[in-house]
């Protein structure tokens, strides 16, 4: 029926037998039951709990082109459908602001979100450059600012896997294999200007280095999307983005789906 019923447990108490009976009945009737604990927890300086918004408008379900590409790439990304759809929409919005800007994704893994971005660019008849940067050998630059990542995680990929996705949806791409910006930024024309940068690198120093490189190359109204901001395993990203708040040349938004977005204002 498309109805979601939310049960809130008190801490870690078990459901009473009556609740169990009710849940069983509703499940058999086709309802989706989501159990949610109100308990919060902390990692370092940050507080967390499971975020479950009550909104239920799902425009992606009516977007045939998006659903087609998402069904193709969902096995090649760890990014959920909500964040994928946000990227999908942002590409179109940025293209409307300036149809000549380039796009950059750092942290490609197996190429799933690259496919989302590339497919939307193709539908917009764009011929703009889309750069895909990744070591293809795992996370780099982990430091003491990152509570969970130590380096080398997410190495279960290869450039050929990612290229298999992007080349099937968009032609004007360039893969930058190596640490970005240290190893590969020199392969980008110094005059290039960017409208959207998707950062999915999991750790503080890597994110900082990317933003330091791209900020002056971003157009006014351009956006940097941090995939990992809202997750307790990526405290370094949370720390870095929080440090950007209050600066007059940028607006920082936590979108409650896990993304943080920084818009360039000046």
Protein backbone atom coordinates (compact mmCIF):
# COMPACT_ATOMS: atom_id res chain seq x y z
CA UNK A 1 0.00 0.00 0.00
CA UNK A 2 3.03 2.25 0.19
CA UNK A 3 2.31 3.09 3.84
CA UNK A 4 5.16 3.26 6.32
CA UNK A 5 4.50 2.72 10.00
CA UNK A 6 7.23 3.81 12.37
CA UNK A 7 7.59 2.19 15.78
CA UNK A 8 9.84 3.87 18.28
CA UNK A 9 11.38 1.61 20.89
CA UNK A 10 12.56 2.97 24.20
CA UNK A 11 16.30 2.42 24.23
CA UNK A 12 17.14 -1.25 23.87
CA UNK A 13 13.96 -2.67 25.51
CA UNK A 14 12.36 -5.52 23.68
CA UNK A 15 8.99 -5.09 22.18
CA UNK A 16 6.15 -6.39 24.29
CA UNK A 17 4.37 -9.47 23.09
CA UNK A 18 1.44 -7.32 21.98
CA UNK A 19 3.70 -5.19 19.79
CA UNK A 20 5.22 -8.29 18.26
CA UNK A 21 1.79 -9.62 17.40
CA UNK A 22 0.79 -6.29 15.87
CA UNK A 23 3.99 -6.04 13.84
CA UNK A 24 3.49 -9.55 12.52
CA UNK A 25 -0.07 -8.78 11.45
CA UNK A 26 0.87 -5.54 9.72
CA UNK A 27 3.83 -7.13 7.96
CA UNK A 28 1.62 -9.85 6.53
CA UNK A 29 -0.79 -7.14 5.38
CA UNK A 30 1.96 -5.59 3.26
CA UNK A 31 3.03 -2.69 5.45
CA UNK A 32 6.68 -1.72 5.78
CA UNK A 33 7.74 -1.77 9.41
CA UNK A 34 10.78 0.26 10.41
CA UNK A 35 12.10 -0.09 13.94
CA UNK A 36 14.01 2.89 15.17
CA UNK A 37 15.92 3.36 18.38
CA UNK A 38 16.00 6.79 19.98
CA UNK A 39 19.42 6.10 21.39
CA UNK A 40 22.18 8.37 20.21
CA UNK A 41 25.91 7.75 20.33
CA UNK A 42 29.05 9.78 20.00
CA UNK A 43 32.23 9.37 17.99
CA UNK A 44 34.85 11.83 19.13
CA UNK A 45 33.27 15.29 19.23
CA UNK A 46 30.24 14.34 17.15
CA UNK A 47 26.81 13.04 18.12
CA UNK A 48 24.87 10.56 15.99
CA UNK A 49 21.54 8.78 15.75
CA UNK A 50 19.72 7.13 12.87
CA UNK A 51 18.15 9.87 10.74
CA UNK A 52 14.73 8.89 9.37
CA UNK A 53 12.90 11.79 7.73
CA UNK A 54 9.11 11.51 7.50
CA UNK A 55 8.82 12.94 3.99
CA UNK A 56 7.54 10.46 1.43
CA UNK A 57 7.48 12.32 -1.90
CA UNK A 58 9.66 10.22 -4.22
CA UNK A 59 10.05 11.97 -7.60
CA UNK A 60 12.77 9.55 -8.69
CA UNK A 61 10.13 6.86 -9.08
CA UNK A 62 8.54 8.93 -11.86
CA UNK A 63 11.84 9.77 -13.52
CA UNK A 64 12.21 6.97 -16.06
CA UNK A 65 15.65 8.01 -17.27
CA UNK A 66 16.99 8.14 -13.73
CA UNK A 67 15.50 4.80 -12.75
CA UNK A 68 16.99 3.20 -15.86
CA UNK A 69 20.51 4.38 -15.16
CA UNK A 70 20.20 3.72 -11.43
CA UNK A 71 19.15 0.12 -12.08
CA UNK A 72 22.31 -0.27 -14.19
CA UNK A 73 24.78 1.26 -11.73
CA UNK A 74 23.44 0.40 -8.28
CA UNK A 75 25.77 -2.58 -8.02
CA UNK A 76 28.74 -0.28 -8.72
CA UNK A 77 28.22 2.24 -5.93
CA UNK A 78 27.77 2.42 -2.17
CA UNK A 79 25.71 5.59 -2.58
CA UNK A 80 21.99 5.10 -1.99
CA UNK A 81 19.23 6.10 -4.37
CA UNK A 82 18.48 9.36 -2.51
CA UNK A 83 21.99 10.73 -2.85
CA UNK A 84 22.21 9.47 -6.43
CA UNK A 85 19.05 11.36 -7.31
CA UNK A 86 20.38 14.50 -5.70
CA UNK A 87 23.48 14.32 -7.91
CA UNK A 88 21.23 13.71 -10.91
CA UNK A 89 19.27 16.90 -10.20
CA UNK A 90 22.32 18.98 -9.36
CA UNK A 91 23.96 18.26 -12.70
CA UNK A 92 20.95 19.74 -14.47
CA UNK A 93 20.82 22.76 -12.18
CA UNK A 94 24.51 23.55 -12.60
CA UNK A 95 24.27 23.08 -16.36
CA UNK A 96 21.43 25.62 -16.41
CA UNK A 97 23.59 28.17 -14.56
CA UNK A 98 26.50 27.74 -16.96
CA UNK A 99 26.31 25.20 -19.80
CA UNK A 100 30.04 25.39 -20.52
CA UNK A 101 31.48 24.33 -17.13
CA UNK A 102 33.35 21.12 -16.42
CA UNK A 103 32.54 18.47 -13.82
CA UNK A 104 34.82 16.58 -11.45
CA UNK A 105 34.31 13.51 -9.31
CA UNK A 106 37.05 12.45 -6.89
CA UNK A 107 36.48 9.05 -5.36
CA UNK A 108 35.02 7.03 -8.20
CA UNK A 109 35.33 3.47 -6.82
CA UNK A 110 33.50 1.28 -9.38
CA UNK A 111 31.98 4.17 -11.31
CA UNK A 112 28.35 4.10 -10.20
CA UNK A 113 27.85 7.77 -9.43
CA UNK A 114 30.01 8.67 -12.42
CA UNK A 115 27.39 6.88 -14.48
CA UNK A 116 24.64 8.96 -12.87
CA UNK A 117 26.45 12.24 -13.62
CA UNK A 118 27.53 11.17 -17.09
CA UNK A 119 24.07 10.00 -18.14
CA UNK A 120 22.48 13.28 -17.11
CA UNK A 121 25.15 15.23 -19.01
CA UNK A 122 24.38 13.14 -22.09
CA UNK A 123 20.65 13.84 -21.79
CA UNK A 124 21.46 17.56 -21.61
CA UNK A 125 23.45 17.20 -24.86
CA UNK A 126 26.51 18.43 -23.03
CA UNK A 127 29.94 18.18 -24.55
CA UNK A 128 31.68 19.46 -21.42
CA UNK A 129 34.60 17.71 -19.81
CA UNK A 130 33.87 15.27 -16.99
CA UNK A 131 36.92 14.20 -14.98
CA UNK A 132 36.92 11.02 -12.90
CA UNK A 133 39.74 10.90 -10.37
CA UNK A 134 40.63 7.93 -8.21
CA UNK A 135 43.64 5.98 -7.01
CA UNK A 136 41.79 2.73 -7.80
CA UNK A 137 43.88 1.28 -4.98
CA UNK A 138 41.95 2.52 -1.96
CA UNK A 139 41.68 5.44 0.44
CA UNK A 140 44.75 7.68 0.90
CA UNK A 141 45.77 10.45 3.32
CA UNK A 142 44.04 9.04 6.40
CA UNK A 143 45.23 10.81 9.58
CA UNK A 144 44.38 11.04 13.26
CA UNK A 145 41.43 13.25 12.25
CA UNK A 146 39.72 10.17 10.81
CA UNK A 147 38.27 7.87 13.43
CA UNK A 148 37.78 4.77 11.29
CA UNK A 149 39.78 4.98 8.08
CA UNK A 150 43.44 3.95 8.17
CA UNK A 151 44.19 3.90 4.42
CA UNK A 152 43.74 1.34 1.68
CA UNK A 153 40.00 0.79 2.17
CA UNK A 154 37.74 0.39 -0.91
CA UNK A 155 40.55 -1.02 -3.03
CA UNK A 156 38.20 -3.63 -4.50
CA UNK A 157 37.93 -1.92 -7.88
CA UNK A 158 39.89 -1.17 -11.04
CA UNK A 159 39.99 1.63 -13.56
CA UNK A 160 38.61 -0.71 -16.20
CA UNK A 161 35.49 -1.35 -14.11
CA UNK A 162 34.73 2.36 -13.74
CA UNK A 163 35.49 3.06 -17.38
CA UNK A 164 33.09 0.32 -18.41
CA UNK A 165 30.30 2.35 -16.81
CA UNK A 166 31.17 5.86 -17.95
CA UNK A 167 32.03 5.06 -21.56
CA UNK A 168 28.59 3.53 -22.06
CA UNK A 169 26.79 6.75 -21.07
CA UNK A 170 29.04 9.74 -21.84
CA UNK A 171 31.85 10.36 -24.27
CA UNK A 172 33.62 13.49 -23.03
CA UNK A 173 35.22 11.93 -19.98
CA UNK A 174 38.78 11.63 -18.78
CA UNK A 175 39.94 9.25 -16.07
CA UNK A 176 42.69 10.52 -13.79
CA UNK A 177 44.35 7.55 -12.12
CA UNK A 178 46.40 8.44 -9.06
CA UNK A 179 46.15 10.67 -6.02
CA UNK A 180 44.23 13.86 -6.77
CA UNK A 181 45.37 16.60 -6.91
CA UNK A 182 48.96 15.55 -6.18
CA UNK A 183 49.50 13.19 -9.11
CA UNK A 184 46.90 14.09 -11.70
CA UNK A 185 45.65 17.69 -11.44
CA UNK A 186 48.38 18.75 -13.86
CA UNK A 187 46.47 16.83 -16.56
CA UNK A 188 43.66 19.40 -16.39
CA UNK A 189 43.92 22.62 -18.39
CA UNK A 190 44.67 25.55 -16.10
CA UNK A 191 41.88 27.58 -17.72
CA UNK A 192 39.21 25.01 -16.96
CA UNK A 193 36.26 26.12 -14.81
CA UNK A 194 34.06 23.77 -12.79
CA UNK A 195 30.40 23.84 -11.80
CA UNK A 196 30.14 20.65 -9.75
CA UNK A 197 32.65 18.64 -7.77
CA UNK A 198 31.56 15.40 -6.13
CA UNK A 199 33.95 14.37 -3.35
CA UNK A 200 33.71 10.81 -2.06
CA UNK A 201 37.11 10.25 -0.46
CA UNK A 202 36.13 9.47 3.18
CA UNK A 203 38.97 11.32 4.94
CA UNK A 204 39.83 14.87 6.04
CA UNK A 205 43.14 15.62 4.33
CA UNK A 206 42.14 14.29 0.96
CA UNK A 207 38.94 16.37 0.98
CA UNK A 208 40.83 19.48 2.05
CA UNK A 209 43.42 19.13 -0.69
CA UNK A 210 40.71 18.74 -3.33
CA UNK A 211 38.83 21.84 -2.19
CA UNK A 212 42.03 23.86 -1.93
CA UNK A 213 42.77 22.98 -5.55
CA UNK A 214 39.33 23.49 -7.05
CA UNK A 215 37.88 26.44 -5.13
CA UNK A 216 39.33 29.20 -7.31
CA UNK A 217 38.35 27.19 -10.37
CA UNK A 218 34.67 26.98 -9.33
CA UNK A 219 32.09 29.29 -10.86
CA UNK A 220 29.84 31.45 -8.67
CA UNK A 221 26.84 29.25 -7.91
CA UNK A 222 28.91 26.11 -8.30
CA UNK A 223 28.62 23.32 -5.76
CA UNK A 224 30.88 20.86 -3.99
CA UNK A 225 29.09 17.75 -2.74
CA UNK A 226 30.62 15.72 0.09
CA UNK A 227 29.18 12.24 0.01
CA UNK A 228 30.40 11.16 3.44
CA UNK A 229 29.45 14.06 5.72
CA UNK A 230 26.54 12.48 7.57
CA UNK A 231 28.12 9.15 8.49
CA UNK A 232 29.82 8.29 11.76
CA UNK A 233 32.55 6.37 9.94
CA UNK A 234 33.70 9.56 8.19
CA UNK A 235 34.38 11.96 11.05
CA UNK A 236 37.21 13.61 9.11
CA UNK A 237 34.79 14.77 6.41
CA UNK A 238 32.38 16.06 9.04
CA UNK A 239 35.20 17.96 10.72
CA UNK A 240 36.42 19.50 7.47
CA UNK A 241 32.99 20.65 6.28
CA UNK A 242 32.13 22.08 9.68
CA UNK A 243 35.28 24.19 9.47
CA UNK A 244 33.85 25.84 6.34
CA UNK A 245 30.73 27.14 8.08
CA UNK A 246 30.48 30.88 8.65
CA UNK A 247 32.78 31.86 5.80
CA UNK A 248 31.33 34.68 3.72
CA UNK A 249 32.18 33.20 0.32
CA UNK A 250 30.30 29.94 0.79
CA UNK A 251 27.06 28.43 2.08
CA UNK A 252 27.13 25.03 3.78
CA UNK A 253 24.08 22.76 3.88
CA UNK A 254 23.60 19.37 5.52
CA UNK A 255 20.89 17.74 3.46
CA UNK A 256 20.04 14.98 5.99
CA UNK A 257 20.55 12.27 3.38
CA UNK A 258 24.25 12.08 4.23
CA UNK A 259 25.39 14.77 1.80
CA UNK A 260 26.86 18.10 2.74
CA UNK A 261 26.86 20.70 -0.02
CA UNK A 262 28.98 23.82 -0.23
CA UNK A 263 27.76 26.47 -2.67
CA UNK A 264 30.20 29.11 -3.86
CA UNK A 265 28.76 32.57 -3.24
CA UNK A 266 31.63 34.81 -4.26
